[in-house]
Amino acid sequence: MIRSFQDVMADARRAIREVPLDALKQRLDAGEALTLVDVREAEEFRAGHLPHAVNVPRGFLEARIEQAVPDRDAPVVLYCQGGTRSALAARTLAEMGYTRVESANPGFAQWKDRQYPVVVPRAMSDAQRARYARHLLLPEVGEAGQAKLLDARVLLLGAGGLGSPVALYLAAAGVGTLGLVDGDTVDASNLQRQVIHTTDRVGARKVDSVEQTLRALNPDVRVVKHCERLTRDNVDRLFDGWDVIVDGCDNFPTRYLVNDAAVMKRIPVVHGSVFRFEGQVTVFAPYEGPCYRCLYPQPPPAHLAPSCHEAGVLGVLPGTLGMLQATEVLKILLGVGDRLVGRLLTYDALAMKFRELRLRRDPACPLCGEHPTITDYVDYEGFCAAGG
């Protein structure tokens, strides 16, 4: 039997549930937990969409919907420009086993005409869409997520072994502004692990060397250089205005200073450290999980914590740990995944083993505990020299 388009649409509308735009807006205003799926083409989505909607074009619906909405019993509202594509898409999802699917009718055109809330994503150039094409294919990132990365500001403490892979991968991912704090110059002994620098830059300021590499890698990235050591006198100036801090420091006084300032300013810190053949990574989210002082209430005696300069380090080790730090930064900026908050990931390169340790906030912590006693910066050199 030959069926017309009108017959197909009539069958689809009888088989699905439709929601009027005013009812949809009331439900969204009330905070109902539902997933909005825009089934229009990517170009239409870029021109404007409903707040918090994810874009799964109708032509890719069957292939991509499970990534965007893995729970088949979750409430889902589909919409398109006028209500036709979303109705057909809703019937398809019902056939795929989705149990709580609705189609908005009419669609986005009427939503916009009624002056309901609309999000207009950051306009990306053709060159940017080509550069970040593999990100744009991920429902967890997409154009909205890539726009977040382009608008993000991340401060890197140290342009050395850990800072090198972090800077390279965050720049490649399109993090728009990267700050660098490092007062050192490139040394020949750095090149075994600090892969962002090159032989011809020995003697140059590290922040200048990093900027040169990142500009060549991705012209979208703005580099803010601070050729100075982090101290309690400049920490407020250097920390203001950043979304995430990446701690690649190699000494305990600076780690305690970073921790205290970040907690006071409520900035998440992605912490990493390496020693010989071992390393560790965690995320310190102020007042959400433990801080560095919860983990290490007292600094170890100096003879038990030699630096890489004294004890050595396998050259590839900071690369492994730095890439893990970069991954955590991207998850924080995108708001996806399970971050390493309250979890310490350790790595043994010789055994090729990862271990995870659970961490808890210390209610007696002098900084983030129930009755804090540290309300300003202290003498960190003296504190660490005395072993606490």
Protein backbone atom coordinates (compact mmCIF):
# COMPACT_ATOMS: atom_id res chain seq x y z
CA MET A 1 0.00 0.00 0.00
CA ILE A 2 1.32 3.40 -0.97
CA ARG A 3 1.36 5.82 1.94
CA SER A 4 1.74 9.59 1.73
CA PHE A 5 3.84 11.80 3.99
CA GLN A 6 0.63 12.94 5.68
CA ASP A 7 -0.21 9.30 6.47
CA VAL A 8 3.24 8.73 7.99
CA MET A 9 2.98 11.88 10.11
CA ALA A 10 -0.51 11.02 11.29
CA ASP A 11 0.67 7.58 12.40
CA ALA A 12 3.66 9.10 14.17
CA ARG A 13 1.54 11.61 16.09
CA ARG A 14 -0.89 8.92 17.17
CA ALA A 15 2.02 6.83 18.48
CA ILE A 16 3.80 9.53 20.52
CA ARG A 17 3.16 12.09 23.21
CA GLU A 18 3.41 15.77 22.28
CA VAL A 19 3.95 18.65 24.66
CA PRO A 20 2.87 22.25 23.95
CA LEU A 21 5.57 24.90 24.26
CA ASP A 22 3.93 26.73 27.18
CA ALA A 23 3.70 23.48 29.16
CA LEU A 24 7.32 22.67 28.33
CA LYS A 25 8.45 26.09 29.54
CA GLN A 26 6.53 25.68 32.80
CA ARG A 27 8.18 22.33 33.42
CA LEU A 28 11.63 23.72 32.70
CA ASP A 29 11.01 26.75 34.94
CA ALA A 30 9.94 24.37 37.71
CA GLY A 31 13.28 22.59 37.45
CA GLU A 32 11.99 19.28 36.17
CA ALA A 33 14.82 16.92 35.37
CA LEU A 34 14.56 16.08 31.69
CA THR A 35 16.86 15.91 28.70
CA LEU A 36 16.18 18.29 25.83
CA VAL A 37 17.32 16.91 22.49
CA ASP A 38 17.50 19.22 19.49
CA VAL A 39 17.17 17.05 16.37
CA ARG A 40 17.87 19.87 13.89
CA GLU A 41 21.06 20.07 11.85
CA ALA A 42 24.23 21.41 13.47
CA GLU A 43 24.01 24.68 11.51
CA GLU A 44 20.49 25.30 12.85
CA PHE A 45 21.62 24.49 16.39
CA ARG A 46 24.50 26.97 16.10
CA ALA A 47 22.05 29.72 15.20
CA GLY A 48 20.24 29.29 18.53
CA HIS A 49 18.73 26.59 20.74
CA LEU A 50 16.89 25.97 24.00
CA PRO A 51 19.00 26.26 27.17
CA HIS A 52 20.81 23.04 28.16
CA ALA A 53 19.72 21.23 24.98
CA VAL A 54 21.98 18.66 23.34
CA ASN A 55 22.19 18.43 19.57
CA VAL A 56 21.59 15.03 17.97
CA PRO A 57 20.67 15.67 14.31
CA ARG A 58 17.81 13.55 13.00
CA GLY A 59 20.09 11.86 10.47
CA PHE A 60 22.38 10.60 13.25
CA LEU A 61 19.69 9.88 15.85
CA GLU A 62 19.91 6.09 15.96
CA ALA A 63 23.72 6.15 16.04
CA ARG A 64 24.23 8.85 18.68
CA ILE A 65 21.21 8.95 21.00
CA GLU A 66 22.60 6.29 23.34
CA GLN A 67 25.62 8.49 24.03
CA ALA A 68 23.46 11.55 24.72
CA VAL A 69 20.75 9.68 26.67
CA PRO A 70 22.06 6.32 27.95
CA ASP A 71 19.08 5.74 30.28
CA ARG A 72 16.10 4.54 28.23
CA ASP A 73 13.72 5.30 31.12
CA ALA A 74 14.85 8.92 31.49
CA PRO A 75 12.40 11.68 30.47
CA VAL A 76 13.33 13.07 27.05
CA VAL A 77 11.78 15.94 25.09
CA LEU A 78 12.72 16.25 21.43
CA TYR A 79 12.26 19.39 19.39
CA CYS A 80 13.00 20.66 15.91
CA GLN A 81 12.11 23.81 13.97
CA GLY A 82 8.39 23.12 13.53
CA GLY A 83 7.56 19.82 15.23
CA THR A 84 7.77 17.45 12.27
CA ARG A 85 11.27 15.99 12.58
CA SER A 86 10.93 15.67 16.34
CA ALA A 87 7.67 13.71 16.00
CA LEU A 88 9.29 11.22 13.65
CA ALA A 89 12.34 11.06 15.93
CA ALA A 90 10.15 10.42 18.98
CA ARG A 91 8.53 7.44 17.28
CA THR A 92 11.99 6.10 16.42
CA LEU A 93 13.13 6.38 20.04
CA ALA A 94 10.00 4.61 21.23
CA GLU A 95 10.82 1.78 18.84
CA MET A 96 14.35 1.72 20.33
CA GLY A 97 12.92 1.16 23.80
CA TYR A 98 12.84 4.71 25.21
CA THR A 99 9.83 4.82 27.49
CA ARG A 100 9.35 8.51 28.35
CA VAL A 101 9.78 10.37 25.08
CA GLU A 102 7.84 13.48 24.07
CA SER A 103 7.95 15.79 21.07
CA ALA A 104 7.57 19.56 21.44
CA ASN A 105 4.90 20.93 19.11
CA PRO A 106 5.28 23.46 17.61
CA GLY A 107 9.06 23.73 17.57
CA PHE A 108 11.92 26.16 18.00
CA ALA A 109 10.57 28.80 15.59
CA GLN A 110 7.51 29.39 17.78
CA TRP A 111 9.59 29.12 20.96
CA LYS A 112 11.77 31.96 19.73
CA ASP A 113 8.79 34.02 18.50
CA ARG A 114 7.30 33.85 21.99
CA GLN A 115 10.59 35.28 23.33
CA TYR A 116 11.22 32.28 25.53
CA PRO A 117 14.87 31.77 26.62
CA VAL A 118 17.24 31.01 23.77
CA VAL A 119 20.97 30.30 23.82
CA VAL A 120 23.08 31.55 20.92
CA PRO A 121 26.38 29.63 21.04
CA ARG A 122 29.70 31.30 20.55
CA ALA A 123 30.31 31.62 16.82
CA MET A 124 33.15 29.36 15.72
CA SER A 125 35.07 29.96 12.54
CA ASP A 126 35.39 27.30 9.84
CA ALA A 127 39.02 26.87 10.88
CA GLN A 128 38.00 26.25 14.49
CA ARG A 129 35.32 23.75 13.51
CA ALA A 130 37.94 21.89 11.48
CA ARG A 131 40.52 21.99 14.30
CA TYR A 132 38.12 20.78 16.99
CA ALA A 133 36.07 18.48 14.75
CA ARG A 134 36.70 15.38 16.89
CA HIS A 135 35.54 17.25 20.00
CA LEU A 136 32.40 18.44 18.23
CA LEU A 137 31.43 14.84 17.50
CA LEU A 138 31.33 14.02 21.22
CA PRO A 139 27.88 14.67 22.74
CA GLU A 140 29.61 15.42 26.06
CA VAL A 141 31.54 18.24 24.39
CA GLY A 142 29.92 19.49 21.18
CA GLU A 143 30.00 23.13 20.17
CA ALA A 144 28.71 24.29 23.56
CA GLY A 145 31.48 22.44 25.37
CA GLN A 146 34.14 23.64 22.96
CA ALA A 147 32.92 27.20 23.52
CA LYS A 148 33.40 26.64 27.27
CA LEU A 149 36.98 25.55 26.63
CA LEU A 150 37.68 28.56 24.41
CA ASP A 151 36.36 30.87 27.14
CA ALA A 152 38.18 29.07 29.98
CA ARG A 153 41.16 30.36 31.97
CA VAL A 154 43.63 27.87 33.47
CA LEU A 155 46.72 28.80 35.49
CA LEU A 156 49.73 26.47 35.29
CA LEU A 157 52.20 26.57 38.15
CA GLY A 158 55.50 25.45 36.71
CA ALA A 159 56.61 25.03 33.09
CA GLY A 160 58.61 21.90 33.77
CA GLY A 161 58.04 18.15 33.61
CA LEU A 162 54.37 18.22 34.58
CA GLY A 163 53.61 21.61 33.10
CA SER A 164 54.91 20.61 29.66
CA PRO A 165 52.32 17.92 28.77
CA VAL A 166 49.54 19.84 30.55
CA ALA A 167 50.24 22.99 28.54
CA LEU A 168 50.54 21.10 25.25
CA TYR A 169 47.31 19.15 25.62
CA LEU A 170 45.22 22.00 27.05
CA ALA A 171 46.38 24.26 24.22
CA ALA A 172 45.63 21.56 21.65
CA ALA A 173 42.17 21.11 23.19
CA GLY A 174 41.45 24.81 22.74
CA VAL A 175 41.55 26.13 26.30
CA GLY A 176 41.43 29.82 25.46
CA THR A 177 43.71 31.36 28.10
CA LEU A 178 46.64 29.64 29.76
CA GLY A 179 48.59 31.38 32.51
CA LEU A 180 52.18 30.38 33.27
CA VAL A 181 54.02 30.97 36.54
CA ASP A 182 57.69 30.03 36.41
CA GLY A 183 60.74 32.16 37.14
CA ASP A 184 63.32 29.69 35.80
CA THR A 185 65.23 29.37 32.53
CA VAL A 186 65.60 26.33 30.28
CA ASP A 187 68.54 24.11 31.25
CA ALA A 188 70.01 21.23 29.25
CA SER A 189 69.16 18.86 32.10
CA ASN A 190 65.47 19.82 31.70
CA LEU A 191 65.17 18.45 28.18
CA GLN A 192 65.08 14.80 29.30
CA ARG A 193 61.49 15.34 30.57
CA GLN A 194 60.35 18.92 29.83
CA VAL A 195 59.27 18.20 26.28
CA ILE A 196 57.79 21.62 25.57
CA HIS A 197 61.29 23.14 25.41
CA THR A 198 63.96 22.59 22.76
CA THR A 199 67.76 22.53 22.63
CA ASP A 200 68.04 25.89 20.91
CA ARG A 201 66.18 27.54 23.81
CA VAL A 202 68.62 26.57 26.56
CA GLY A 203 69.13 29.70 28.66
CA ALA A 204 65.80 31.26 27.58
CA ARG A 205 63.03 32.02 30.06
CA LYS A 206 60.76 29.02 30.38
CA VAL A 207 57.60 31.09 30.06
CA ASP A 208 58.86 32.51 26.75
CA SER A 209 59.76 29.04 25.48
CA VAL A 210 56.31 27.69 26.37
CA GLU A 211 54.60 30.63 24.68
CA GLN A 212 56.59 30.04 21.49
CA THR A 213 55.59 26.38 21.38
CA LEU A 214 51.92 26.98 22.15
CA ARG A 215 51.54 29.75 19.58
CA ALA A 216 52.89 27.40 16.93
CA LEU A 217 50.55 24.64 18.12
CA ASN A 218 47.29 26.62 18.37
CA PRO A 219 46.90 30.32 17.55
CA ASP A 220 43.54 30.36 19.38
CA VAL A 221 45.33 30.19 22.75
CA ARG A 222 46.30 33.32 24.66
CA VAL A 223 49.32 32.88 26.93
CA VAL A 224 49.67 35.03 30.05
CA LYS A 225 53.27 34.90 31.31
CA HIS A 226 54.51 35.47 34.86
CA CYS A 227 58.29 34.99 35.02
CA GLU A 228 58.43 34.91 38.82
CA ARG A 229 58.32 32.50 41.73
CA LEU A 230 55.03 32.07 43.54
CA THR A 231 55.19 33.63 47.02
CA ARG A 232 52.74 34.70 49.67
CA ASP A 233 53.35 38.29 48.54
CA ASN A 234 52.17 37.74 44.96
CA VAL A 235 49.78 34.77 45.27
CA ASP A 236 46.64 36.92 45.50
CA ARG A 237 47.56 38.84 42.38
CA LEU A 238 48.49 35.73 40.42
CA PHE A 239 45.49 33.60 41.43
CA ASP A 240 42.68 36.10 40.81
CA GLY A 241 40.44 35.40 37.83
CA TRP A 242 41.30 31.77 37.03
CA ASP A 243 38.85 28.87 36.65
CA VAL A 244 41.30 26.05 37.51
CA ILE A 245 44.84 25.88 38.86
CA VAL A 246 47.25 23.12 37.83
CA ASP A 247 49.86 22.43 40.50
CA GLY A 248 53.12 21.21 39.00
CA CYS A 249 55.30 22.51 41.81
CA ASP A 250 58.26 20.54 43.09
CA ASN A 251 58.61 21.74 46.67
CA PHE A 252 56.48 21.53 49.79
CA PRO A 253 56.39 25.21 50.84
CA THR A 254 54.87 26.17 47.50
CA ARG A 255 52.37 23.29 47.62
CA TYR A 256 51.06 24.43 50.99
CA LEU A 257 50.85 28.01 49.76
CA VAL A 258 48.95 26.93 46.63
CA ASN A 259 46.56 24.90 48.73
CA ASP A 260 45.85 27.65 51.24
CA ALA A 261 45.30 30.33 48.60
CA ALA A 262 43.09 28.09 46.45
CA VAL A 263 40.89 27.12 49.39
CA MET A 264 40.52 30.74 50.46
CA LYS A 265 39.61 31.71 46.88
CA ARG A 266 37.55 28.55 46.24
CA ILE A 267 39.44 27.61 43.06
CA PRO A 268 39.85 23.89 42.24
CA VAL A 269 43.43 22.63 42.03
CA VAL A 270 44.55 19.69 39.91
CA HIS A 271 47.56 18.42 41.84
CA GLY A 272 50.32 16.21 40.51
CA SER A 273 53.72 15.12 41.75
CA VAL A 274 56.47 12.74 40.61
CA PHE A 275 59.40 11.02 42.32
CA ARG A 276 61.88 8.69 40.62
CA PHE A 277 59.52 6.05 39.07
CA GLU A 278 56.28 6.99 40.86
CA GLY A 279 53.68 9.73 40.72
CA GLN A 280 50.26 10.75 41.96
CA VAL A 281 47.33 12.90 40.84
CA THR A 282 44.25 14.22 42.63
CA VAL A 283 41.81 17.13 42.51
CA PHE A 284 41.40 19.46 45.48
CA ALA A 285 37.94 21.02 45.23
CA PRO A 286 37.55 23.50 48.12
CA TYR A 287 34.90 22.44 50.64
CA GLU A 288 33.71 19.65 48.34
CA GLY A 289 36.55 17.25 49.08
CA PRO A 290 39.72 17.20 51.17
CA CYS A 291 42.45 19.79 50.73
CA TYR A 292 46.21 19.24 50.66
CA ARG A 293 46.43 19.82 54.43
CA CYS A 294 43.84 17.07 55.01
CA LEU A 295 46.11 14.73 53.07
CA TYR A 296 49.41 15.98 54.54
CA PRO A 297 48.81 17.73 57.87
CA GLN A 298 52.56 17.85 58.49
CA PRO A 299 55.30 18.22 55.85
CA PRO A 300 57.88 15.44 55.82
CA PRO A 301 61.42 16.12 56.98
CA ALA A 302 63.56 17.48 54.16
CA HIS A 303 65.83 14.40 54.01
CA LEU A 304 62.79 12.17 53.35
CA ALA A 305 61.52 14.27 50.45
CA PRO A 306 64.40 15.00 48.06
CA SER A 307 63.65 16.88 44.85
CA CYS A 308 64.02 15.46 41.33
CA HIS A 309 67.28 17.39 41.14
CA GLU A 310 68.55 15.30 44.04
CA ALA A 311 66.80 11.94 43.52
CA GLY A 312 66.27 11.82 39.74
CA VAL A 313 63.13 11.01 37.76
CA LEU A 314 62.31 8.77 34.80
CA GLY A 315 61.88 11.13 31.85
CA VAL A 316 58.54 9.77 30.63
CA LEU A 317 56.95 9.74 34.11
CA PRO A 318 55.89 13.43 34.16
CA GLY A 319 54.32 12.91 30.73
CA THR A 320 52.02 10.20 32.07
CA LEU A 321 51.02 12.18 35.15
CA GLY A 322 50.75 15.47 33.26
CA MET A 323 48.31 13.99 30.75
CA LEU A 324 46.18 12.75 33.64
CA GLN A 325 46.18 16.27 35.07
CA ALA A 326 45.16 17.71 31.71
CA THR A 327 42.31 15.20 31.53
CA GLU A 328 41.02 16.29 34.94
CA VAL A 329 41.19 19.96 33.92
CA LEU A 330 39.08 19.31 30.82
CA LYS A 331 36.52 17.34 32.85
CA ILE A 332 36.22 20.21 35.33
CA LEU A 333 35.80 22.82 32.58
CA LEU A 334 33.25 20.73 30.68
CA GLY A 335 31.40 19.54 33.78
CA VAL A 336 31.57 15.89 32.72
CA GLY A 337 32.79 12.64 34.20
CA ASP A 338 33.82 11.59 37.70
CA ARG A 339 36.59 13.89 38.88
CA LEU A 340 39.40 12.79 41.19
CA VAL A 341 37.87 14.66 44.12
CA GLY A 342 38.42 12.65 47.28
CA ARG A 343 40.49 10.14 45.32
CA LEU A 344 44.26 9.88 45.00
CA LEU A 345 45.47 8.07 41.89
CA THR A 346 48.98 6.68 42.27
CA TYR A 347 51.17 5.28 39.49
CA ASP A 348 54.14 2.94 39.69
CA ALA A 349 55.95 2.97 36.34
CA LEU A 350 58.24 0.03 37.13
CA ALA A 351 55.31 -2.22 38.03
CA MET A 352 53.00 -0.50 35.47
CA LYS A 353 50.25 -0.31 38.09
CA PHE A 354 47.71 2.29 39.08
CA ARG A 355 46.14 2.34 42.53
CA GLU A 356 43.33 4.48 43.89
CA LEU A 357 43.14 5.64 47.49
CA ARG A 358 40.01 7.19 48.95
CA LEU A 359 40.51 10.51 50.74
CA ARG A 360 38.23 12.23 53.24
CA ARG A 361 38.02 15.77 54.48
CA ASP A 362 39.45 16.17 57.95
CA PRO A 363 36.89 17.92 60.17
CA ALA A 364 39.82 19.10 62.30
CA CYS A 365 41.74 20.52 59.31
CA PRO A 366 43.12 23.94 60.33
CA LEU A 367 42.20 25.35 56.90
CA CYS A 368 38.98 23.74 55.60
CA GLY A 369 37.74 22.04 58.77
CA GLU A 370 34.85 22.91 61.05
CA HIS A 371 36.91 25.34 63.14
CA PRO A 372 39.69 26.73 60.91
CA THR A 373 42.66 28.41 62.53
CA ILE A 374 44.51 29.35 59.34
CA THR A 375 42.91 32.47 57.92
CA ASP A 376 45.95 34.06 56.27
CA TYR A 377 49.19 32.99 54.65
CA VAL A 378 51.91 31.71 56.97
CA ASP A 379 55.68 31.33 56.85
CA TYR A 380 55.71 28.27 54.57
CA GLU A 381 59.48 27.95 54.40
CA GLY A 382 59.67 27.94 58.18
CA PHE A 383 56.71 25.58 58.51
CA CYS A 384 58.27 23.01 56.18
CA ALA A 385 61.81 23.45 57.51
CA ALA A 386 60.54 22.63 61.00
CA GLY A 387 58.73 19.54 59.70
CA GLY A 388 55.43 21.09 60.69
